[in-house]
């Protein structure tokens, strides 16, 4: 996805503020939010679980058997890492949270080895 200058600057600032993750991870997650919303067919708030399911599907489609390796290369090892990225994008003003949203919504939702390797090769 190509971002305008303001969005690119905000992504860069988010990545600099929390440098555990590559700037590519921030870009990918923001693109995954947009893709998930497109797949739902309406502009609305999506839960952490819905977002993580969207990220899983998009990551598998885009990177196939290398999905886990790509995410790991970007510093993303767990669904909680994805939550940290989401909340960094919220702080950067690129996404909005609902009153009940929490980082806990992203903790332990699925295991990367299971969904990106085991399920990929068994399905």
PDB file of N, CA and C in Angstrom:
ATOM      1  N   UNK A   1       0.842  -1.169   0.000  1.00  0.00           N
ATOM      2  CA  UNK A   1       0.000   0.000   0.000  1.00  0.00           C
ATOM      3  C   UNK A   1       0.893   1.241   0.000  1.00  0.00           C
ATOM      4  N   UNK A   2       0.511   2.217  -0.746  1.00  0.00           N
ATOM      5  CA  UNK A   2       1.248   3.477  -0.797  1.00  0.00           C
ATOM      6  C   UNK A   2       0.543   4.468   0.121  1.00  0.00           C
ATOM      7  N   UNK A   3       1.314   5.089   1.001  1.00  0.00           N
ATOM      8  CA  UNK A   3       0.772   6.041   1.956  1.00  0.00           C
ATOM      9  C   UNK A   3       1.139   7.458   1.547  1.00  0.00           C
ATOM     10  N   UNK A   4       0.276   8.411   1.896  1.00  0.00           N
ATOM     11  CA  UNK A   4       0.603   9.809   1.638  1.00  0.00           C
ATOM     12  C   UNK A   4       1.716  10.246   2.596  1.00  0.00           C
ATOM     13  N   UNK A   5       2.260  11.433   2.365  1.00  0.00           N
ATOM     14  CA  UNK A   5       3.405  11.904   3.150  1.00  0.00           C
ATOM     15  C   UNK A   5       3.094  12.014   4.635  1.00  0.00           C
ATOM     16  N   UNK A   6       1.904  12.508   4.975  1.00  0.00           N
ATOM     17  CA  UNK A   6       1.543  12.646   6.387  1.00  0.00           C
ATOM     18  C   UNK A   6       1.468  11.292   7.074  1.00  0.00           C
ATOM     19  N   UNK A   7       0.860  10.318   6.405  1.00  0.00           N
ATOM     20  CA  UNK A   7       0.749   8.978   6.974  1.00  0.00           C
ATOM     21  C   UNK A   7       2.129   8.342   7.097  1.00  0.00           C
ATOM     22  N   UNK A   8       2.949   8.488   6.070  1.00  0.00           N
ATOM     23  CA  UNK A   8       4.306   7.932   6.116  1.00  0.00           C
ATOM     24  C   UNK A   8       5.112   8.542   7.256  1.00  0.00           C
ATOM     25  N   UNK A   9       4.962   9.839   7.456  1.00  0.00           N
ATOM     26  CA  UNK A   9       5.669  10.511   8.560  1.00  0.00           C
ATOM     27  C   UNK A   9       5.188  10.004   9.908  1.00  0.00           C
ATOM     28  N   UNK A  10       3.881   9.802  10.050  1.00  0.00           N
ATOM     29  CA  UNK A  10       3.320   9.303  11.308  1.00  0.00           C
ATOM     30  C   UNK A  10       3.778   7.865  11.568  1.00  0.00           C
ATOM     31  N   UNK A  11       3.840   7.055  10.526  1.00  0.00           N
ATOM     32  CA  UNK A  11       4.335   5.682  10.673  1.00  0.00           C
ATOM     33  C   UNK A  11       5.794   5.705  11.112  1.00  0.00           C
ATOM     34  N   UNK A  12       6.579   6.519  10.474  1.00  0.00           N
ATOM     35  CA  UNK A  12       8.003   6.637  10.818  1.00  0.00           C
ATOM     36  C   UNK A  12       8.162   7.065  12.278  1.00  0.00           C
ATOM     37  N   UNK A  13       7.350   8.035  12.711  1.00  0.00           N
ATOM     38  CA  UNK A  13       7.420   8.507  14.092  1.00  0.00           C
ATOM     39  C   UNK A  13       7.028   7.403  15.072  1.00  0.00           C
ATOM     40  N   UNK A  14       6.006   6.625  14.717  1.00  0.00           N
ATOM     41  CA  UNK A  14       5.585   5.501  15.571  1.00  0.00           C
ATOM     42  C   UNK A  14       6.706   4.473  15.682  1.00  0.00           C
ATOM     43  N   UNK A  15       7.351   4.179  14.571  1.00  0.00           N
ATOM     44  CA  UNK A  15       8.449   3.201  14.567  1.00  0.00           C
ATOM     45  C   UNK A  15       9.647   3.710  15.354  1.00  0.00           C
ATOM     46  N   UNK A  16       9.887   4.994  15.292  1.00  0.00           N
ATOM     47  CA  UNK A  16      10.996   5.564  16.069  1.00  0.00           C
ATOM     48  C   UNK A  16      10.675   5.572  17.556  1.00  0.00           C
ATOM     49  N   UNK A  17       9.410   5.798  17.898  1.00  0.00           N
ATOM     50  CA  UNK A  17       8.998   5.829  19.304  1.00  0.00           C
ATOM     51  C   UNK A  17       9.060   4.446  19.944  1.00  0.00           C
ATOM     52  N   UNK A  18       8.796   3.401  19.175  1.00  0.00           N
ATOM     53  CA  UNK A  18       8.882   2.030  19.663  1.00  0.00           C
ATOM     54  C   UNK A  18       9.654   1.225  18.630  1.00  0.00           C
ATOM     55  N   UNK A  19      10.956   1.243  18.772  1.00  0.00           N
ATOM     56  CA  UNK A  19      11.834   0.675  17.746  1.00  0.00           C
ATOM     57  C   UNK A  19      12.031  -0.840  17.880  1.00  0.00           C
ATOM     58  N   UNK A  20      11.218  -1.493  18.712  1.00  0.00           N
ATOM     59  CA  UNK A  20      11.298  -2.961  18.767  1.00  0.00           C
ATOM     60  C   UNK A  20      10.905  -3.576  17.432  1.00  0.00           C
ATOM     61  N   UNK A  21      10.108  -2.838  16.668  1.00  0.00           N
ATOM     62  CA  UNK A  21       9.550  -3.369  15.427  1.00  0.00           C
ATOM     63  C   UNK A  21      10.018  -2.528  14.249  1.00  0.00           C
ATOM     64  N   UNK A  22      10.242  -3.191  13.136  1.00  0.00           N
ATOM     65  CA  UNK A  22      10.627  -2.525  11.900  1.00  0.00           C
ATOM     66  C   UNK A  22       9.513  -1.597  11.413  1.00  0.00           C
ATOM     67  N   UNK A  23       9.905  -0.556  10.734  1.00  0.00           N
ATOM     68  CA  UNK A  23       8.914   0.329  10.122  1.00  0.00           C
ATOM     69  C   UNK A  23       8.014  -0.449   9.170  1.00  0.00           C
ATOM     70  N   UNK A  24       8.553  -1.482   8.536  1.00  0.00           N
ATOM     71  CA  UNK A  24       7.751  -2.321   7.649  1.00  0.00           C
ATOM     72  C   UNK A  24       6.601  -2.983   8.406  1.00  0.00           C
ATOM     73  N   UNK A  25       6.835  -3.365   9.659  1.00  0.00           N
ATOM     74  CA  UNK A  25       5.779  -3.984  10.457  1.00  0.00           C
ATOM     75  C   UNK A  25       4.628  -3.006  10.664  1.00  0.00           C
ATOM     76  N   UNK A  26       4.945  -1.752  10.948  1.00  0.00           N
ATOM     77  CA  UNK A  26       3.907  -0.738  11.138  1.00  0.00           C
ATOM     78  C   UNK A  26       3.112  -0.530   9.846  1.00  0.00           C
ATOM     79  N   UNK A  27       3.828  -0.449   8.728  1.00  0.00           N
ATOM     80  CA  UNK A  27       3.161  -0.270   7.435  1.00  0.00           C
ATOM     81  C   UNK A  27       2.263  -1.467   7.128  1.00  0.00           C
ATOM     82  N   UNK A  28       2.778  -2.660   7.376  1.00  0.00           N
ATOM     83  CA  UNK A  28       2.019  -3.864   7.074  1.00  0.00           C
ATOM     84  C   UNK A  28       0.756  -3.945   7.931  1.00  0.00           C
ATOM     85  N   UNK A  29       0.874  -3.661   9.215  1.00  0.00           N
ATOM     86  CA  UNK A  29      -0.281  -3.741  10.107  1.00  0.00           C
ATOM     87  C   UNK A  29      -1.326  -2.700   9.714  1.00  0.00           C
ATOM     88  N   UNK A  30      -0.902  -1.489   9.384  1.00  0.00           N
ATOM     89  CA  UNK A  30      -1.863  -0.474   8.956  1.00  0.00           C
ATOM     90  C   UNK A  30      -2.562  -0.910   7.664  1.00  0.00           C
ATOM     91  N   UNK A  31      -1.823  -1.489   6.747  1.00  0.00           N
ATOM     92  CA  UNK A  31      -2.421  -2.028   5.516  1.00  0.00           C
ATOM     93  C   UNK A  31      -3.380  -3.172   5.829  1.00  0.00           C
ATOM     94  N   UNK A  32      -3.030  -3.997   6.810  1.00  0.00           N
ATOM     95  CA  UNK A  32      -3.885  -5.121   7.192  1.00  0.00           C
ATOM     96  C   UNK A  32      -5.203  -4.630   7.785  1.00  0.00           C
ATOM     97  N   UNK A  33      -5.155  -3.529   8.529  1.00  0.00           N
ATOM     98  CA  UNK A  33      -6.395  -2.948   9.058  1.00  0.00           C
ATOM     99  C   UNK A  33      -7.301  -2.552   7.894  1.00  0.00           C
ATOM    100  N   UNK A  34      -6.740  -1.845   6.921  1.00  0.00           N
ATOM    101  CA  UNK A  34      -7.524  -1.412   5.757  1.00  0.00           C
ATOM    102  C   UNK A  34      -8.081  -2.609   4.996  1.00  0.00           C
ATOM    103  N   UNK A  35      -7.262  -3.609   4.795  1.00  0.00           N
ATOM    104  CA  UNK A  35      -7.693  -4.800   4.064  1.00  0.00           C
ATOM    105  C   UNK A  35      -8.781  -5.553   4.824  1.00  0.00           C
ATOM    106  N   UNK A  36      -8.653  -5.621   6.139  1.00  0.00           N
ATOM    107  CA  UNK A  36      -9.659  -6.288   6.960  1.00  0.00           C
ATOM    108  C   UNK A  36     -10.991  -5.556   6.862  1.00  0.00           C
ATOM    109  N   UNK A  37     -10.954  -4.235   6.928  1.00  0.00           N
ATOM    110  CA  UNK A  37     -12.174  -3.440   6.795  1.00  0.00           C
ATOM    111  C   UNK A  37     -12.805  -3.628   5.421  1.00  0.00           C
ATOM    112  N   UNK A  38     -11.983  -3.680   4.396  1.00  0.00           N
ATOM    113  CA  UNK A  38     -12.489  -3.914   3.041  1.00  0.00           C
ATOM    114  C   UNK A  38     -13.172  -5.281   2.966  1.00  0.00           C
ATOM    115  N   UNK A  39     -12.557  -6.281   3.578  1.00  0.00           N
ATOM    116  CA  UNK A  39     -13.126  -7.626   3.580  1.00  0.00           C
ATOM    117  C   UNK A  39     -14.439  -7.710   4.326  1.00  0.00           C
ATOM    118  N   UNK A  40     -14.574  -6.918   5.389  1.00  0.00           N
ATOM    119  CA  UNK A  40     -15.824  -6.885   6.152  1.00  0.00           C
ATOM    120  C   UNK A  40     -16.911  -6.203   5.333  1.00  0.00           C
ATOM    121  N   UNK A  41     -16.508  -5.242   4.527  1.00  0.00           N
ATOM    122  CA  UNK A  41     -17.462  -4.565   3.655  1.00  0.00           C
ATOM    123  C   UNK A  41     -18.083  -3.314   4.240  1.00  0.00           C
ATOM    124  N   UNK A  42     -17.584  -2.881   5.400  1.00  0.00           N
ATOM    125  CA  UNK A  42     -18.096  -1.637   5.982  1.00  0.00           C
ATOM    126  C   UNK A  42     -17.013  -0.992   6.844  1.00  0.00           C
ATOM    127  N   UNK A  43     -17.114   0.331   6.960  1.00  0.00           N
ATOM    128  CA  UNK A  43     -16.183   1.082   7.807  1.00  0.00           C
ATOM    129  C   UNK A  43     -16.761   1.102   9.211  1.00  0.00           C
ATOM    130  N   UNK A  44     -16.129   0.381  10.107  1.00  0.00           N
ATOM    131  CA  UNK A  44     -16.576   0.333  11.500  1.00  0.00           C
ATOM    132  C   UNK A  44     -15.402  -0.054  12.373  1.00  0.00           C
ATOM    133  N   UNK A  45     -15.609   0.040  13.664  1.00  0.00           N
ATOM    134  CA  UNK A  45     -14.590  -0.418  14.600  1.00  0.00           C
ATOM    135  C   UNK A  45     -14.458  -1.931  14.462  1.00  0.00           C
ATOM    136  N   UNK A  46     -13.224  -2.414  14.489  1.00  0.00           N
ATOM    137  CA  UNK A  46     -13.012  -3.857  14.496  1.00  0.00           C
ATOM    138  C   UNK A  46     -12.316  -4.234  15.801  1.00  0.00           C
ATOM    139  N   UNK A  47     -12.685  -5.379  16.316  1.00  0.00           N
ATOM    140  CA  UNK A  47     -12.101  -5.849  17.578  1.00  0.00           C
ATOM    141  C   UNK A  47     -10.670  -6.325  17.347  1.00  0.00           C
ATOM    142  N   UNK A  48      -9.950  -6.481  18.433  1.00  0.00           N
ATOM    143  CA  UNK A  48      -8.597  -7.030  18.336  1.00  0.00           C
ATOM    144  C   UNK A  48      -8.603  -8.396  17.695  1.00  0.00           C
ATOM    145  N   UNK A  49      -9.582  -9.219  18.058  1.00  0.00           N
ATOM    146  CA  UNK A  49      -9.672 -10.566  17.488  1.00  0.00           C
ATOM    147  C   UNK A  49      -9.923 -10.516  15.982  1.00  0.00           C
ATOM    148  N   UNK A  50     -10.841  -9.646  15.552  1.00  0.00           N
ATOM    149  CA  UNK A  50     -11.110  -9.514  14.112  1.00  0.00           C
ATOM    150  C   UNK A  50      -9.862  -9.049  13.371  1.00  0.00           C
ATOM    151  N   UNK A  51      -9.172  -8.099  13.956  1.00  0.00           N
ATOM    152  CA  UNK A  51      -7.957  -7.591  13.326  1.00  0.00           C
ATOM    153  C   UNK A  51      -6.895  -8.674  13.224  1.00  0.00           C
ATOM    154  N   UNK A  52      -6.717  -9.428  14.306  1.00  0.00           N
ATOM    155  CA  UNK A  52      -5.707 -10.487  14.287  1.00  0.00           C
ATOM    156  C   UNK A  52      -6.047 -11.585  13.285  1.00  0.00           C
ATOM    157  N   UNK A  53      -7.317 -11.895  13.137  1.00  0.00           N
ATOM    158  CA  UNK A  53      -7.713 -12.866  12.111  1.00  0.00           C
ATOM    159  C   UNK A  53      -7.399 -12.316  10.719  1.00  0.00           C
ATOM    160  N   UNK A  54      -7.668 -11.036  10.517  1.00  0.00           N
ATOM    161  CA  UNK A  54      -7.340 -10.396   9.242  1.00  0.00           C
ATOM    162  C   UNK A  54      -5.847 -10.404   8.981  1.00  0.00           C
ATOM    163  N   UNK A  55      -5.053 -10.083   9.993  1.00  0.00           N
ATOM    164  CA  UNK A  55      -3.587 -10.102   9.853  1.00  0.00           C
ATOM    165  C   UNK A  55      -3.117 -11.505   9.496  1.00  0.00           C
ATOM    166  N   UNK A  56      -3.680 -12.501  10.182  1.00  0.00           N
ATOM    167  CA  UNK A  56      -3.288 -13.891   9.888  1.00  0.00           C
ATOM    168  C   UNK A  56      -3.571 -14.244   8.431  1.00  0.00           C
ATOM    169  N   UNK A  57      -4.769 -13.935   7.970  1.00  0.00           N
ATOM    170  CA  UNK A  57      -5.143 -14.264   6.594  1.00  0.00           C
ATOM    171  C   UNK A  57      -4.276 -13.530   5.579  1.00  0.00           C
ATOM    172  N   UNK A  58      -4.085 -12.249   5.784  1.00  0.00           N
ATOM    173  CA  UNK A  58      -3.306 -11.434   4.844  1.00  0.00           C
ATOM    174  C   UNK A  58      -1.844 -11.858   4.844  1.00  0.00           C
ATOM    175  N   UNK A  59      -1.306 -12.122   6.025  1.00  0.00           N
ATOM    176  CA  UNK A  59       0.096 -12.532   6.131  1.00  0.00           C
ATOM    177  C   UNK A  59       0.316 -13.861   5.418  1.00  0.00           C
ATOM    178  N   UNK A  60      -0.592 -14.799   5.626  1.00  0.00           N
ATOM    179  CA  UNK A  60      -0.474 -16.105   4.983  1.00  0.00           C
ATOM    180  C   UNK A  60      -0.595 -15.976   3.468  1.00  0.00           C
ATOM    181  N   UNK A  61      -1.551 -15.170   3.027  1.00  0.00           N
ATOM    182  CA  UNK A  61      -1.737 -14.975   1.583  1.00  0.00           C
ATOM    183  C   UNK A  61      -0.522 -14.303   0.945  1.00  0.00           C
ATOM    184  N   UNK A  62       0.005 -13.292   1.617  1.00  0.00           N
ATOM    185  CA  UNK A  62       1.092 -12.517   1.025  1.00  0.00           C
ATOM    186  C   UNK A  62       2.447 -13.225   1.107  1.00  0.00           C
ATOM    187  N   UNK A  63       2.706 -13.914   2.212  1.00  0.00           N
ATOM    188  CA  UNK A  63       4.044 -14.468   2.423  1.00  0.00           C
ATOM    189  C   UNK A  63       4.100 -15.994   2.437  1.00  0.00           C
ATOM    190  N   UNK A  64       2.950 -16.646   2.390  1.00  0.00           N
ATOM    191  CA  UNK A  64       2.920 -18.111   2.330  1.00  0.00           C
ATOM    192  C   UNK A  64       3.717 -18.751   3.446  1.00  0.00           C
ATOM    193  N   UNK A  65       4.540 -19.748   3.119  1.00  0.00           N
ATOM    194  CA  UNK A  65       5.271 -20.471   4.151  1.00  0.00           C
ATOM    195  C   UNK A  65       6.344 -19.634   4.849  1.00  0.00           C
ATOM    196  N   UNK A  66       6.614 -18.448   4.333  1.00  0.00           N
ATOM    197  CA  UNK A  66       7.613 -17.565   4.950  1.00  0.00           C
ATOM    198  C   UNK A  66       6.989 -16.539   5.901  1.00  0.00           C
ATOM    199  N   UNK A  67       5.682 -16.621   6.134  1.00  0.00           N
ATOM    200  CA  UNK A  67       4.968 -15.610   6.929  1.00  0.00           C
ATOM    201  C   UNK A  67       5.599 -15.392   8.304  1.00  0.00           C
ATOM    202  N   UNK A  68       5.826 -16.467   9.038  1.00  0.00           N
ATOM    203  CA  UNK A  68       6.393 -16.342  10.384  1.00  0.00           C
ATOM    204  C   UNK A  68       7.785 -15.728  10.320  1.00  0.00           C
ATOM    205  N   UNK A  69       8.569 -16.145   9.351  1.00  0.00           N
ATOM    206  CA  UNK A  69       9.933 -15.621   9.227  1.00  0.00           C
ATOM    207  C   UNK A  69       9.939 -14.122   8.924  1.00  0.00           C
ATOM    208  N   UNK A  70       9.031 -13.689   8.052  1.00  0.00           N
ATOM    209  CA  UNK A  70       8.944 -12.268   7.721  1.00  0.00           C
ATOM    210  C   UNK A  70       8.569 -11.463   8.959  1.00  0.00           C
ATOM    211  N   UNK A  71       7.517 -11.896   9.657  1.00  0.00           N
ATOM    212  CA  UNK A  71       7.106 -11.179  10.869  1.00  0.00           C
ATOM    213  C   UNK A  71       8.234 -11.162  11.898  1.00  0.00           C
ATOM    214  N   UNK A  72       8.882 -12.299  12.094  1.00  0.00           N
ATOM    215  CA  UNK A  72       9.994 -12.357  13.049  1.00  0.00           C
ATOM    216  C   UNK A  72      11.121 -11.426  12.651  1.00  0.00           C
ATOM    217  N   UNK A  73      11.414 -11.341  11.363  1.00  0.00           N
ATOM    218  CA  UNK A  73      12.458 -10.433  10.867  1.00  0.00           C
ATOM    219  C   UNK A  73      12.132  -8.982  11.206  1.00  0.00           C
ATOM    220  N   UNK A  74      10.843  -8.661  11.239  1.00  0.00           N
ATOM    221  CA  UNK A  74      10.395  -7.306  11.576  1.00  0.00           C
ATOM    222  C   UNK A  74      10.304  -7.092  13.082  1.00  0.00           C
ATOM    223  N   UNK A  75      10.622  -8.123  13.882  1.00  0.00           N
ATOM    224  CA  UNK A  75      10.563  -8.013  15.331  1.00  0.00           C
ATOM    225  C   UNK A  75       9.240  -8.434  15.930  1.00  0.00           C
ATOM    226  N   UNK A  76       8.364  -9.020  15.125  1.00  0.00           N
ATOM    227  CA  UNK A  76       7.026  -9.415  15.563  1.00  0.00           C
ATOM    228  C   UNK A  76       7.030 -10.930  15.781  1.00  0.00           C
ATOM    229  N   UNK A  77       6.830 -11.333  17.057  1.00  0.00           N
ATOM    230  CA  UNK A  77       6.906 -12.746  17.413  1.00  0.00           C
ATOM    231  C   UNK A  77       5.602 -13.294  17.983  1.00  0.00           C
ATOM    232  N   UNK A  78       4.713 -12.402  18.419  1.00  0.00           N
ATOM    233  CA  UNK A  78       3.472 -12.833  19.067  1.00  0.00           C
ATOM    234  C   UNK A  78       2.326 -11.898  18.675  1.00  0.00           C
ATOM    235  N   UNK A  79       1.105 -12.328  18.996  1.00  0.00           N
ATOM    236  CA  UNK A  79      -0.046 -11.453  18.761  1.00  0.00           C
ATOM    237  C   UNK A  79       0.023 -10.220  19.661  1.00  0.00           C
ATOM    238  N   UNK A  80       0.659 -10.332  20.816  1.00  0.00           N
ATOM    239  CA  UNK A  80       0.822  -9.171  21.687  1.00  0.00           C
ATOM    240  C   UNK A  80       1.711  -8.121  21.014  1.00  0.00           C
ATOM    241  N   UNK A  81       2.726  -8.566  20.273  1.00  0.00           N
ATOM    242  CA  UNK A  81       3.545  -7.623  19.507  1.00  0.00           C
ATOM    243  C   UNK A  81       2.677  -6.853  18.513  1.00  0.00           C
ATOM    244  N   UNK A  82       1.759  -7.557  17.861  1.00  0.00           N
ATOM    245  CA  UNK A  82       0.843  -6.884  16.932  1.00  0.00           C
ATOM    246  C   UNK A  82      -0.008  -5.856  17.678  1.00  0.00           C
ATOM    247  N   UNK A  83      -0.425  -6.188  18.885  1.00  0.00           N
ATOM    248  CA  UNK A  83      -1.176  -5.244  19.711  1.00  0.00           C
ATOM    249  C   UNK A  83      -0.362  -4.004  20.044  1.00  0.00           C
ATOM    250  N   UNK A  84       0.922  -4.204  20.361  1.00  0.00           N
ATOM    251  CA  UNK A  84       1.784  -3.045  20.637  1.00  0.00           C
ATOM    252  C   UNK A  84       1.879  -2.135  19.411  1.00  0.00           C
ATOM    253  N   UNK A  85       1.969  -2.722  18.248  1.00  0.00           N
ATOM    254  CA  UNK A  85       2.017  -1.935  17.008  1.00  0.00           C
ATOM    255  C   UNK A  85       0.708  -1.178  16.820  1.00  0.00           C
ATOM    256  N   UNK A  86      -0.416  -1.858  17.011  1.00  0.00           N
ATOM    257  CA  UNK A  86      -1.729  -1.208  16.878  1.00  0.00           C
ATOM    258  C   UNK A  86      -1.817  -0.005  17.810  1.00  0.00           C
ATOM    259  N   UNK A  87      -1.441  -0.186  19.070  1.00  0.00           N
ATOM    260  CA  UNK A  87      -1.554   0.922  20.017  1.00  0.00           C
ATOM    261  C   UNK A  87      -0.551   2.031  19.721  1.00  0.00           C
ATOM    262  N   UNK A  88       0.579   1.710  19.127  1.00  0.00           N
ATOM    263  CA  UNK A  88       1.499   2.761  18.662  1.00  0.00           C
ATOM    264  C   UNK A  88       0.865   3.552  17.521  1.00  0.00           C
ATOM    265  N   UNK A  89       0.167   2.854  16.624  1.00  0.00           N
ATOM    266  CA  UNK A  89      -0.524   3.539  15.515  1.00  0.00           C
ATOM    267  C   UNK A  89      -1.683   4.392  16.040  1.00  0.00           C
ATOM    268  N   UNK A  90      -2.312   3.955  17.118  1.00  0.00           N
ATOM    269  CA  UNK A  90      -3.359   4.758  17.758  1.00  0.00           C
ATOM    270  C   UNK A  90      -2.744   6.023  18.336  1.00  0.00           C
ATOM    271  N   UNK A  91      -1.637   5.883  19.074  1.00  0.00           N
ATOM    272  CA  UNK A  91      -0.964   7.055  19.655  1.00  0.00           C
ATOM    273  C   UNK A  91      -0.484   8.015  18.576  1.00  0.00           C
ATOM    274  N   UNK A  92      -0.148   7.470  17.391  1.00  0.00           N
ATOM    275  CA  UNK A  92       0.317   8.307  16.282  1.00  0.00           C
ATOM    276  C   UNK A  92      -0.847   8.987  15.557  1.00  0.00           C
ATOM    277  N   UNK A  93      -2.073   8.661  15.950  1.00  0.00           N
ATOM    278  CA  UNK A  93      -3.244   9.279  15.336  1.00  0.00           C
ATOM    279  C   UNK A  93      -3.690   8.625  14.041  1.00  0.00           C
ATOM    280  N   UNK A  94      -3.166   7.454  13.743  1.00  0.00           N
ATOM    281  CA  UNK A  94      -3.504   6.768  12.495  1.00  0.00           C
ATOM    282  C   UNK A  94      -4.689   5.825  12.640  1.00  0.00           C
ATOM    283  N   UNK A  95      -4.971   5.407  13.859  1.00  0.00           N
ATOM    284  CA  UNK A  95      -6.112   4.548  14.164  1.00  0.00           C
ATOM    285  C   UNK A  95      -6.802   5.104  15.401  1.00  0.00           C
ATOM    286  N   UNK A  96      -8.024   4.655  15.620  1.00  0.00           N
ATOM    287  CA  UNK A  96      -8.767   5.068  16.810  1.00  0.00           C
ATOM    288  C   UNK A  96      -9.157   3.843  17.617  1.00  0.00           C
ATOM    289  N   UNK A  97      -9.150   4.004  18.934  1.00  0.00           N
ATOM    290  CA  UNK A  97      -9.560   2.930  19.831  1.00  0.00           C
ATOM    291  C   UNK A  97     -10.951   3.226  20.367  1.00  0.00           C
ATOM    292  N   UNK A  98     -11.697   2.170  20.621  1.00  0.00           N
ATOM    293  CA  UNK A  98     -12.976   2.298  21.321  1.00  0.00           C
ATOM    294  C   UNK A  98     -12.688   2.262  22.819  1.00  0.00           C
ATOM    295  N   UNK A  99     -13.630   2.690  23.612  1.00  0.00           N
ATOM    296  CA  UNK A  99     -13.407   2.818  25.053  1.00  0.00           C
ATOM    297  C   UNK A  99     -12.996   1.500  25.716  1.00  0.00           C
ATOM    298  N   UNK A 100     -13.472   0.373  25.229  1.00  0.00           N
ATOM    299  CA  UNK A 100     -13.151  -0.909  25.850  1.00  0.00           C
ATOM    300  C   UNK A 100     -11.919  -1.600  25.300  1.00  0.00           C
ATOM    301  N   UNK A 101     -11.264  -1.011  24.317  1.00  0.00           N
ATOM    302  CA  UNK A 101     -10.093  -1.647  23.707  1.00  0.00           C
ATOM    303  C   UNK A 101      -8.919  -1.676  24.681  1.00  0.00           C
ATOM    304  N   UNK A 102      -8.194  -2.778  24.648  1.00  0.00           N
ATOM    305  CA  UNK A 102      -7.080  -2.966  25.571  1.00  0.00           C
ATOM    306  C   UNK A 102      -5.983  -3.778  24.892  1.00  0.00           C
ATOM    307  N   UNK A 103      -4.777  -3.569  25.322  1.00  0.00           N
ATOM    308  CA  UNK A 103      -3.663  -4.378  24.832  1.00  0.00           C
ATOM    309  C   UNK A 103      -3.886  -5.850  25.161  1.00  0.00           C
ATOM    310  N   UNK A 104      -4.602  -6.115  26.247  1.00  0.00           N
ATOM    311  CA  UNK A 104      -4.900  -7.503  26.625  1.00  0.00           C
ATOM    312  C   UNK A 104      -5.706  -8.234  25.554  1.00  0.00           C
ATOM    313  N   UNK A 105      -6.436  -7.484  24.715  1.00  0.00           N
ATOM    314  CA  UNK A 105      -7.218  -8.099  23.639  1.00  0.00           C
ATOM    315  C   UNK A 105      -6.327  -8.845  22.641  1.00  0.00           C
ATOM    316  N   UNK A 106      -5.036  -8.533  22.652  1.00  0.00           N
ATOM    317  CA  UNK A 106      -4.106  -9.092  21.679  1.00  0.00           C
ATOM    318  C   UNK A 106      -3.203 -10.182  22.275  1.00  0.00           C
ATOM    319  N   UNK A 107      -3.304 -10.408  23.557  1.00  0.00           N
ATOM    320  CA  UNK A 107      -2.382 -11.303  24.238  1.00  0.00           C
ATOM    321  C   UNK A 107      -2.767 -12.767  24.050  1.00  0.00           C
ATOM    322  N   UNK A 108      -1.879 -13.545  23.427  1.00  0.00           N
ATOM    323  CA  UNK A 108      -2.051 -14.982  23.315  1.00  0.00           C
ATOM    324  C   UNK A 108      -3.220 -15.444  22.469  1.00  0.00           C
ATOM    325  N   UNK A 109      -3.602 -14.658  21.481  1.00  0.00           N
ATOM    326  CA  UNK A 109      -4.763 -15.022  20.655  1.00  0.00           C
ATOM    327  C   UNK A 109      -4.457 -16.237  19.784  1.00  0.00           C
ATOM    328  N   UNK A 110      -3.284 -16.279  19.199  1.00  0.00           N
ATOM    329  CA  UNK A 110      -2.844 -17.477  18.497  1.00  0.00           C
ATOM    330  C   UNK A 110      -1.328 -17.552  18.508  1.00  0.00           C
ATOM    331  N   UNK A 111      -0.839 -18.750  18.269  1.00  0.00           N
ATOM    332  CA  UNK A 111       0.594 -19.022  18.253  1.00  0.00           C
ATOM    333  C   UNK A 111       1.107 -18.945  16.823  1.00  0.00           C
ATOM    334  N   UNK A 112       2.143 -18.172  16.598  1.00  0.00           N
ATOM    335  CA  UNK A 112       2.653 -17.978  15.237  1.00  0.00           C
ATOM    336  C   UNK A 112       3.094 -19.284  14.594  1.00  0.00           C
ATOM    337  N   UNK A 113       3.775 -20.157  15.332  1.00  0.00           N
ATOM    338  CA  UNK A 113       4.230 -21.415  14.730  1.00  0.00           C
ATOM    339  C   UNK A 113       3.026 -22.245  14.271  1.00  0.00           C
ATOM    340  N   UNK A 114       1.984 -22.268  15.094  1.00  0.00           N
ATOM    341  CA  UNK A 114       0.796 -23.048  14.747  1.00  0.00           C
ATOM    342  C   UNK A 114       0.122 -22.510  13.495  1.00  0.00           C
ATOM    343  N   UNK A 115      -0.193 -21.208  13.467  1.00  0.00           N
ATOM    344  CA  UNK A 115      -0.992 -20.675  12.348  1.00  0.00           C
ATOM    345  C   UNK A 115      -0.187 -20.413  11.091  1.00  0.00           C
ATOM    346  N   UNK A 116       1.095 -20.082  11.227  1.00  0.00           N
ATOM    347  CA  UNK A 116       1.870 -19.742  10.029  1.00  0.00           C
ATOM    348  C   UNK A 116       2.720 -20.891   9.494  1.00  0.00           C
ATOM    349  N   UNK A 117       2.929 -21.928  10.288  1.00  0.00           N
ATOM    350  CA  UNK A 117       3.695 -23.062   9.819  1.00  0.00           C
ATOM    351  C   UNK A 117       2.860 -24.351   9.828  1.00  0.00           C
ATOM    352  N   UNK A 118       2.461 -24.792  11.023  1.00  0.00           N
ATOM    353  CA  UNK A 118       1.732 -26.067  11.131  1.00  0.00           C
ATOM    354  C   UNK A 118       0.467 -26.063  10.297  1.00  0.00           C
ATOM    355  N   UNK A 119      -0.385 -25.037  10.477  1.00  0.00           N
ATOM    356  CA  UNK A 119      -1.645 -24.967   9.727  1.00  0.00           C
ATOM    357  C   UNK A 119      -1.405 -24.800   8.229  1.00  0.00           C
ATOM    358  N   UNK A 120      -0.360 -24.073   7.867  1.00  0.00           N
ATOM    359  CA  UNK A 120      -0.071 -23.836   6.454  1.00  0.00           C
ATOM    360  C   UNK A 120       0.250 -25.160   5.751  1.00  0.00           C
ATOM    361  N   UNK A 121       1.103 -25.951   6.400  1.00  0.00           N
ATOM    362  CA  UNK A 121       1.538 -27.195   5.765  1.00  0.00           C
ATOM    363  C   UNK A 121       0.525 -28.329   5.899  1.00  0.00           C
ATOM    364  N   UNK A 122      -0.398 -28.218   6.866  1.00  0.00           N
ATOM    365  CA  UNK A 122      -1.391 -29.275   7.026  1.00  0.00           C
ATOM    366  C   UNK A 122      -2.675 -28.996   6.250  1.00  0.00           C
ATOM    367  N   UNK A 123      -2.818 -27.749   5.791  1.00  0.00           N
ATOM    368  CA  UNK A 123      -4.080 -27.388   5.147  1.00  0.00           C
ATOM    369  C   UNK A 123      -4.001 -27.369   3.687  1.00  0.00           C
TER     370      UNK A 123
END
